[in-house]
Amino acid sequence: MGSIVILTGAGISQESGIDTFRSEGGVWSKVKLEDVATPEGFDRNPKLVQEFYNDRRRQLVSGEVQPNAAHIALARLEKEWRGEFLLVTQNIDNLHSEAGSKRMIHMHGELMKARNLETHDVFDWGGDITENSKCPKSGKLNVLRPHVVWFGEMPLDMDLIYSSLSDCDIFISIGTSGNVYPASGFVEEASLAGARTIEINLEPSIGASSFEEKIYGKATEVLPKFVAELLLKQS
């Protein structure tokens, strides 16, 4: 049936109540990105950075946000698609996993994990990270950071992502602005492979002209229908 690579961005989780970088009045509008989303910001004030991500993590742990119909539709597509499938998300939340997605890469890391600054070991982490938090492996204090890719750092698993893009038959971009590299260039990679390219977004992205097909509207409304039609065509 061919292979599918899907890219999701902040737009898909925004409908569950998670703020994007561009949400007016949202949490990101109240901080400077260079203070909470760069290695240099962490070096200057680790306590500020830890507390910022602790707040974001608490939102997920509390059950305040839940997977929406778009997350659930993608989990259904993975389960029922008979070809190769890979979901690449730029989001650091756990909503795709909560919806049931399994074949997935978090290219910008995961909020529900912590990383050892010295060894780079990664651990599941559902609580706050504070000065009293010990590394589960070494027992050392003050060596943990959020397992999140900050500006200036390399996204994760890029070799696997590019390998999948170079061999895919369908590439779908959902809820992305199209102005964050390297994800913004994925459509070009897929196009070179001869893939069918589709943008599903609230409005045209910066790179909309690179896609063969465009579907605009709320992901929770248009994606379940799109997935149902795609699965019907493979029957």
C-alpha atoms as a PDB file:
ATOM      1  CA  MET A   1       0.000   0.000   0.000  1.00  0.00           C
ATOM      2  CA  GLY A   2       2.994   2.287   0.101  1.00  0.00           C
ATOM      3  CA  SER A   3       4.536   4.233   2.937  1.00  0.00           C
ATOM      4  CA  ILE A   4       3.251   7.275   4.773  1.00  0.00           C
ATOM      5  CA  VAL A   5       5.269   9.896   6.647  1.00  0.00           C
ATOM      6  CA  ILE A   6       3.289  12.405   8.686  1.00  0.00           C
ATOM      7  CA  LEU A   7       4.618  15.610  10.229  1.00  0.00           C
ATOM      8  CA  THR A   8       2.622  17.302  12.986  1.00  0.00           C
ATOM      9  CA  GLY A   9       3.158  20.696  14.535  1.00  0.00           C
ATOM     10  CA  ALA A  10       1.745  22.857  17.294  1.00  0.00           C
ATOM     11  CA  GLY A  11      -1.567  23.397  15.513  1.00  0.00           C
ATOM     12  CA  ILE A  12      -2.766  19.864  16.191  1.00  0.00           C
ATOM     13  CA  SER A  13      -2.267  20.214  19.956  1.00  0.00           C
ATOM     14  CA  GLN A  14      -3.557  23.772  20.135  1.00  0.00           C
ATOM     15  CA  GLU A  15      -7.081  22.414  19.781  1.00  0.00           C
ATOM     16  CA  SER A  16      -6.479  20.428  22.976  1.00  0.00           C
ATOM     17  CA  GLY A  17      -5.592  23.619  24.844  1.00  0.00           C
ATOM     18  CA  ILE A  18      -1.801  23.695  24.535  1.00  0.00           C
ATOM     19  CA  ASP A  19      -0.389  27.110  23.674  1.00  0.00           C
ATOM     20  CA  THR A  20       1.757  27.568  20.582  1.00  0.00           C
ATOM     21  CA  PHE A  21       4.691  29.961  20.228  1.00  0.00           C
ATOM     22  CA  ARG A  22       2.323  32.351  18.482  1.00  0.00           C
ATOM     23  CA  SER A  23      -0.685  32.145  20.824  1.00  0.00           C
ATOM     24  CA  GLU A  24      -1.622  35.668  21.871  1.00  0.00           C
ATOM     25  CA  GLY A  25      -1.681  35.863  25.648  1.00  0.00           C
ATOM     26  CA  GLY A  26      -0.369  32.290  25.959  1.00  0.00           C
ATOM     27  CA  VAL A  27       2.492  31.088  28.137  1.00  0.00           C
ATOM     28  CA  TRP A  28       5.106  31.623  25.425  1.00  0.00           C
ATOM     29  CA  SER A  29       4.097  35.270  25.019  1.00  0.00           C
ATOM     30  CA  LYS A  30       5.013  35.917  28.656  1.00  0.00           C
ATOM     31  CA  VAL A  31       8.644  34.809  28.378  1.00  0.00           C
ATOM     32  CA  LYS A  32      11.603  35.444  26.105  1.00  0.00           C
ATOM     33  CA  LEU A  33      12.498  32.389  24.036  1.00  0.00           C
ATOM     34  CA  GLU A  34      16.187  33.075  24.607  1.00  0.00           C
ATOM     35  CA  ASP A  35      15.570  32.773  28.356  1.00  0.00           C
ATOM     36  CA  VAL A  36      13.667  29.469  28.421  1.00  0.00           C
ATOM     37  CA  ALA A  37      14.333  27.721  25.115  1.00  0.00           C
ATOM     38  CA  THR A  38      18.098  27.959  24.544  1.00  0.00           C
ATOM     39  CA  PRO A  39      21.119  26.239  26.124  1.00  0.00           C
ATOM     40  CA  GLU A  40      22.461  29.687  26.997  1.00  0.00           C
ATOM     41  CA  GLY A  41      19.265  30.548  28.877  1.00  0.00           C
ATOM     42  CA  PHE A  42      19.558  27.322  30.858  1.00  0.00           C
ATOM     43  CA  ASP A  43      23.185  28.101  31.704  1.00  0.00           C
ATOM     44  CA  ARG A  44      22.219  31.582  32.937  1.00  0.00           C
ATOM     45  CA  ASN A  45      19.208  30.615  35.004  1.00  0.00           C
ATOM     46  CA  PRO A  46      18.513  26.877  35.243  1.00  0.00           C
ATOM     47  CA  LYS A  47      15.918  27.368  37.981  1.00  0.00           C
ATOM     48  CA  LEU A  48      13.805  29.639  35.755  1.00  0.00           C
ATOM     49  CA  VAL A  49      13.982  27.178  32.864  1.00  0.00           C
ATOM     50  CA  GLN A  50      13.169  24.151  35.023  1.00  0.00           C
ATOM     51  CA  GLU A  51      10.148  25.886  36.522  1.00  0.00           C
ATOM     52  CA  PHE A  52       8.867  26.912  33.102  1.00  0.00           C
ATOM     53  CA  TYR A  53       8.915  23.315  31.870  1.00  0.00           C
ATOM     54  CA  ASN A  54       7.677  22.020  35.225  1.00  0.00           C
ATOM     55  CA  ASP A  55       4.549  24.119  34.681  1.00  0.00           C
ATOM     56  CA  ARG A  56       4.106  22.703  31.164  1.00  0.00           C
ATOM     57  CA  ARG A  57       4.628  19.150  32.448  1.00  0.00           C
ATOM     58  CA  ARG A  58       2.088  19.607  35.249  1.00  0.00           C
ATOM     59  CA  GLN A  59      -0.506  20.525  32.630  1.00  0.00           C
ATOM     60  CA  LEU A  60      -0.013  17.145  30.978  1.00  0.00           C
ATOM     61  CA  VAL A  61       0.097  15.160  34.229  1.00  0.00           C
ATOM     62  CA  SER A  62      -3.037  16.825  35.599  1.00  0.00           C
ATOM     63  CA  GLY A  63      -5.171  15.546  32.752  1.00  0.00           C
ATOM     64  CA  GLU A  64      -6.101  19.149  31.965  1.00  0.00           C
ATOM     65  CA  VAL A  65      -5.387  18.490  28.293  1.00  0.00           C
ATOM     66  CA  GLN A  66      -6.497  15.398  26.402  1.00  0.00           C
ATOM     67  CA  PRO A  67      -5.920  14.004  22.894  1.00  0.00           C
ATOM     68  CA  ASN A  68      -8.409  15.424  20.421  1.00  0.00           C
ATOM     69  CA  ALA A  69     -10.120  13.933  17.372  1.00  0.00           C
ATOM     70  CA  ALA A  70      -7.094  14.685  15.178  1.00  0.00           C
ATOM     71  CA  HIS A  71      -4.686  12.789  17.453  1.00  0.00           C
ATOM     72  CA  ILE A  72      -7.129   9.882  17.573  1.00  0.00           C
ATOM     73  CA  ALA A  73      -7.523   9.871  13.776  1.00  0.00           C
ATOM     74  CA  LEU A  74      -3.754   9.538  13.304  1.00  0.00           C
ATOM     75  CA  ALA A  75      -3.608   6.671  15.797  1.00  0.00           C
ATOM     76  CA  ARG A  76      -6.359   4.989  13.782  1.00  0.00           C
ATOM     77  CA  LEU A  77      -4.454   5.544  10.529  1.00  0.00           C
ATOM     78  CA  GLU A  78      -1.327   3.938  11.986  1.00  0.00           C
ATOM     79  CA  LYS A  79      -3.298   0.933  13.228  1.00  0.00           C
ATOM     80  CA  GLU A  80      -5.235   0.313  10.018  1.00  0.00           C
ATOM     81  CA  TRP A  81      -2.749   1.327   7.308  1.00  0.00           C
ATOM     82  CA  ARG A  82      -1.257  -1.753   5.672  1.00  0.00           C
ATOM     83  CA  GLY A  83       1.947  -0.107   4.476  1.00  0.00           C
ATOM     84  CA  GLU A  84       4.867   1.511   6.267  1.00  0.00           C
ATOM     85  CA  PHE A  85       3.958   4.353   8.629  1.00  0.00           C
ATOM     86  CA  LEU A  86       5.945   6.974  10.522  1.00  0.00           C
ATOM     87  CA  LEU A  87       4.627   9.903  12.543  1.00  0.00           C
ATOM     88  CA  VAL A  88       7.142  12.697  13.127  1.00  0.00           C
ATOM     89  CA  THR A  89       6.022  15.329  15.590  1.00  0.00           C
ATOM     90  CA  GLN A  90       7.546  18.679  16.473  1.00  0.00           C
ATOM     91  CA  ASN A  91       5.433  18.728  19.638  1.00  0.00           C
ATOM     92  CA  ILE A  92       6.923  17.909  23.026  1.00  0.00           C
ATOM     93  CA  ASP A  93       3.580  16.946  24.595  1.00  0.00           C
ATOM     94  CA  ASN A  94       2.414  13.339  25.007  1.00  0.00           C
ATOM     95  CA  LEU A  95      -0.954  13.621  23.271  1.00  0.00           C
ATOM     96  CA  HIS A  96      -0.073  11.435  20.289  1.00  0.00           C
ATOM     97  CA  SER A  97       1.035   8.662  22.646  1.00  0.00           C
ATOM     98  CA  GLU A  98      -2.045   9.081  24.800  1.00  0.00           C
ATOM     99  CA  ALA A  99      -4.183   8.704  21.670  1.00  0.00           C
ATOM    100  CA  GLY A 100      -2.446   5.422  20.841  1.00  0.00           C
ATOM    101  CA  SER A 101       0.272   6.358  18.332  1.00  0.00           C
ATOM    102  CA  LYS A 102       3.349   4.122  18.562  1.00  0.00           C
ATOM    103  CA  ARG A 103       5.485   4.406  15.400  1.00  0.00           C
ATOM    104  CA  MET A 104       6.588   7.927  16.186  1.00  0.00           C
ATOM    105  CA  ILE A 105       9.595  10.220  16.451  1.00  0.00           C
ATOM    106  CA  HIS A 106       9.578  13.254  18.760  1.00  0.00           C
ATOM    107  CA  MET A 107      12.107  15.306  16.797  1.00  0.00           C
ATOM    108  CA  HIS A 108      12.058  18.102  19.391  1.00  0.00           C
ATOM    109  CA  GLY A 109      12.129  15.838  22.430  1.00  0.00           C
ATOM    110  CA  GLU A 110       9.535  14.957  25.045  1.00  0.00           C
ATOM    111  CA  LEU A 111       8.337  16.937  28.029  1.00  0.00           C
ATOM    112  CA  MET A 112       7.586  13.728  29.946  1.00  0.00           C
ATOM    113  CA  LYS A 113      11.260  12.764  29.896  1.00  0.00           C
ATOM    114  CA  ALA A 114      14.420  14.092  31.544  1.00  0.00           C
ATOM    115  CA  ARG A 115      17.992  13.967  30.263  1.00  0.00           C
ATOM    116  CA  ASN A 116      21.266  13.702  32.161  1.00  0.00           C
ATOM    117  CA  LEU A 117      23.449  16.660  31.199  1.00  0.00           C
ATOM    118  CA  GLU A 118      26.651  14.662  31.646  1.00  0.00           C
ATOM    119  CA  THR A 119      25.828  11.205  30.276  1.00  0.00           C
ATOM    120  CA  HIS A 120      22.901  12.152  27.989  1.00  0.00           C
ATOM    121  CA  ASP A 121      20.899   9.231  29.371  1.00  0.00           C
ATOM    122  CA  VAL A 122      17.151   9.798  28.984  1.00  0.00           C
ATOM    123  CA  PHE A 123      14.535   8.808  31.572  1.00  0.00           C
ATOM    124  CA  ASP A 124      10.748   8.858  31.833  1.00  0.00           C
ATOM    125  CA  TRP A 125       9.883  11.777  34.116  1.00  0.00           C
ATOM    126  CA  GLY A 126       6.417  12.814  35.228  1.00  0.00           C
ATOM    127  CA  GLY A 127       7.197  15.184  38.093  1.00  0.00           C
ATOM    128  CA  ASP A 128       9.052  18.453  38.563  1.00  0.00           C
ATOM    129  CA  ILE A 129      12.786  18.724  38.008  1.00  0.00           C
ATOM    130  CA  THR A 130      14.312  20.642  40.922  1.00  0.00           C
ATOM    131  CA  GLU A 131      17.689  21.050  42.631  1.00  0.00           C
ATOM    132  CA  ASN A 132      16.740  18.023  44.750  1.00  0.00           C
ATOM    133  CA  SER A 133      16.058  15.754  41.766  1.00  0.00           C
ATOM    134  CA  LYS A 134      18.476  12.851  41.496  1.00  0.00           C
ATOM    135  CA  CYS A 135      19.481  11.094  38.307  1.00  0.00           C
ATOM    136  CA  PRO A 136      17.719   7.698  38.430  1.00  0.00           C
ATOM    137  CA  LYS A 137      20.884   5.989  37.208  1.00  0.00           C
ATOM    138  CA  SER A 138      23.780   7.773  38.914  1.00  0.00           C
ATOM    139  CA  GLY A 139      21.998   9.285  41.914  1.00  0.00           C
ATOM    140  CA  LYS A 140      23.707  12.637  41.286  1.00  0.00           C
ATOM    141  CA  LEU A 141      21.978  15.958  41.927  1.00  0.00           C
ATOM    142  CA  ASN A 142      21.700  18.891  39.506  1.00  0.00           C
ATOM    143  CA  VAL A 143      22.418  16.879  36.357  1.00  0.00           C
ATOM    144  CA  LEU A 144      18.914  16.685  34.897  1.00  0.00           C
ATOM    145  CA  ARG A 145      17.325  18.917  32.264  1.00  0.00           C
ATOM    146  CA  PRO A 146      14.110  18.635  30.257  1.00  0.00           C
ATOM    147  CA  HIS A 147      14.495  16.248  27.314  1.00  0.00           C
ATOM    148  CA  VAL A 148      13.559  19.064  24.959  1.00  0.00           C
ATOM    149  CA  VAL A 149      15.420  20.311  21.892  1.00  0.00           C
ATOM    150  CA  TRP A 150      16.105  24.010  22.341  1.00  0.00           C
ATOM    151  CA  PHE A 151      16.922  26.601  19.681  1.00  0.00           C
ATOM    152  CA  GLY A 152      20.481  26.028  18.518  1.00  0.00           C
ATOM    153  CA  GLU A 153      20.367  22.290  19.238  1.00  0.00           C
ATOM    154  CA  MET A 154      20.055  19.503  16.673  1.00  0.00           C
ATOM    155  CA  PRO A 155      16.621  17.835  16.370  1.00  0.00           C
ATOM    156  CA  LEU A 156      16.531  14.133  17.174  1.00  0.00           C
ATOM    157  CA  ASP A 157      16.656  11.113  14.842  1.00  0.00           C
ATOM    158  CA  MET A 158      17.170  13.175  11.705  1.00  0.00           C
ATOM    159  CA  ASP A 159      18.891  10.330   9.821  1.00  0.00           C
ATOM    160  CA  LEU A 160      15.867   8.077  10.283  1.00  0.00           C
ATOM    161  CA  ILE A 161      13.477  10.881   9.333  1.00  0.00           C
ATOM    162  CA  TYR A 162      15.305  11.722   6.102  1.00  0.00           C
ATOM    163  CA  SER A 163      15.627   8.043   5.239  1.00  0.00           C
ATOM    164  CA  SER A 164      11.860   7.623   5.637  1.00  0.00           C
ATOM    165  CA  LEU A 165      11.127  10.752   3.603  1.00  0.00           C
ATOM    166  CA  SER A 166      13.352   9.571   0.759  1.00  0.00           C
ATOM    167  CA  ASP A 167      11.312   6.386   0.467  1.00  0.00           C
ATOM    168  CA  CYS A 168       7.756   7.546   1.186  1.00  0.00           C
ATOM    169  CA  ASP A 169       4.746   7.492  -1.110  1.00  0.00           C
ATOM    170  CA  ILE A 170       2.590   9.939   0.850  1.00  0.00           C
ATOM    171  CA  PHE A 171       3.743  12.895   2.967  1.00  0.00           C
ATOM    172  CA  ILE A 172       1.209  14.775   5.093  1.00  0.00           C
ATOM    173  CA  SER A 173       1.991  17.934   7.057  1.00  0.00           C
ATOM    174  CA  ILE A 174      -0.536  18.830   9.758  1.00  0.00           C
ATOM    175  CA  GLY A 175      -0.766  21.950  11.902  1.00  0.00           C
ATOM    176  CA  THR A 176       2.606  23.455  11.052  1.00  0.00           C
ATOM    177  CA  SER A 177       3.536  27.040  10.255  1.00  0.00           C
ATOM    178  CA  GLY A 178       6.207  26.033   7.769  1.00  0.00           C
ATOM    179  CA  ASN A 179       8.826  28.428   9.111  1.00  0.00           C
ATOM    180  CA  VAL A 180      10.856  26.156  11.419  1.00  0.00           C
ATOM    181  CA  TYR A 181      13.814  24.414   9.817  1.00  0.00           C
ATOM    182  CA  PRO A 182      14.546  21.547   9.237  1.00  0.00           C
ATOM    183  CA  ALA A 183      10.895  20.420   9.378  1.00  0.00           C
ATOM    184  CA  SER A 184       9.901  23.061   6.832  1.00  0.00           C
ATOM    185  CA  GLY A 185      12.085  21.300   4.263  1.00  0.00           C
ATOM    186  CA  PHE A 186      10.524  17.856   4.664  1.00  0.00           C
ATOM    187  CA  VAL A 187       8.028  18.442   1.867  1.00  0.00           C
ATOM    188  CA  GLU A 188      10.889  19.069  -0.559  1.00  0.00           C
ATOM    189  CA  GLU A 189      12.544  15.793   0.452  1.00  0.00           C
ATOM    190  CA  ALA A 190       9.282  13.909  -0.014  1.00  0.00           C
ATOM    191  CA  SER A 191       8.670  15.581  -3.377  1.00  0.00           C
ATOM    192  CA  LEU A 192      12.091  14.470  -4.594  1.00  0.00           C
ATOM    193  CA  ALA A 193      11.031  10.923  -3.732  1.00  0.00           C
ATOM    194  CA  GLY A 194       7.948  11.342  -5.912  1.00  0.00           C
ATOM    195  CA  ALA A 195       5.574  11.302  -2.953  1.00  0.00           C
ATOM    196  CA  ARG A 196       2.052  12.648  -2.932  1.00  0.00           C
ATOM    197  CA  THR A 197       2.273  15.725  -0.670  1.00  0.00           C
ATOM    198  CA  ILE A 198      -0.623  17.101   1.360  1.00  0.00           C
ATOM    199  CA  GLU A 199      -0.899  20.074   3.700  1.00  0.00           C
ATOM    200  CA  ILE A 200      -3.648  20.008   6.337  1.00  0.00           C
ATOM    201  CA  ASN A 201      -3.703  23.259   8.245  1.00  0.00           C
ATOM    202  CA  LEU A 202      -5.909  25.978   9.647  1.00  0.00           C
ATOM    203  CA  GLU A 203      -4.557  28.328   6.973  1.00  0.00           C
ATOM    204  CA  PRO A 204      -1.866  28.155   4.285  1.00  0.00           C
ATOM    205  CA  SER A 205       1.627  27.760   5.711  1.00  0.00           C
ATOM    206  CA  ILE A 206       4.657  29.634   4.467  1.00  0.00           C
ATOM    207  CA  GLY A 207       5.547  26.598   2.353  1.00  0.00           C
ATOM    208  CA  ALA A 208       2.024  25.891   1.081  1.00  0.00           C
ATOM    209  CA  SER A 209       3.051  26.257  -2.570  1.00  0.00           C
ATOM    210  CA  SER A 210       5.322  23.207  -2.214  1.00  0.00           C
ATOM    211  CA  PHE A 211       2.374  20.881  -1.582  1.00  0.00           C
ATOM    212  CA  GLU A 212       0.317  19.243  -4.310  1.00  0.00           C
ATOM    213  CA  GLU A 213      -2.846  19.131  -2.208  1.00  0.00           C
ATOM    214  CA  LYS A 214      -4.115  21.469   0.488  1.00  0.00           C
ATOM    215  CA  ILE A 215      -6.920  21.008   2.998  1.00  0.00           C
ATOM    216  CA  TYR A 216      -7.724  23.928   5.278  1.00  0.00           C
ATOM    217  CA  GLY A 217      -9.806  23.909   8.428  1.00  0.00           C
ATOM    218  CA  LYS A 218      -9.594  22.713  12.024  1.00  0.00           C
ATOM    219  CA  ALA A 219      -7.610  19.493  12.266  1.00  0.00           C
ATOM    220  CA  THR A 220     -10.240  18.005  14.564  1.00  0.00           C
ATOM    221  CA  GLU A 221     -12.832  18.479  11.834  1.00  0.00           C
ATOM    222  CA  VAL A 222     -10.988  17.728   8.586  1.00  0.00           C
ATOM    223  CA  LEU A 223      -8.462  15.077   9.636  1.00  0.00           C
ATOM    224  CA  PRO A 224     -10.870  12.317  10.770  1.00  0.00           C
ATOM    225  CA  LYS A 225     -12.691  12.587   7.437  1.00  0.00           C
ATOM    226  CA  PHE A 226      -9.432  12.608   5.463  1.00  0.00           C
ATOM    227  CA  VAL A 227      -8.146   9.530   7.313  1.00  0.00           C
ATOM    228  CA  ALA A 228     -11.410   7.672   6.754  1.00  0.00           C
ATOM    229  CA  GLU A 229     -11.249   8.382   3.010  1.00  0.00           C
ATOM    230  CA  LEU A 230      -7.585   7.357   2.811  1.00  0.00           C
ATOM    231  CA  LEU A 231      -8.268   4.060   4.551  1.00  0.00           C
ATOM    232  CA  LEU A 232     -11.284   3.417   2.340  1.00  0.00           C
ATOM    233  CA  LYS A 233      -9.145   3.734  -0.783  1.00  0.00           C
ATOM    234  CA  GLN A 234      -6.738   1.026   0.411  1.00  0.00           C
ATOM    235  CA  SER A 235      -9.601  -1.507   0.826  1.00  0.00           C
END
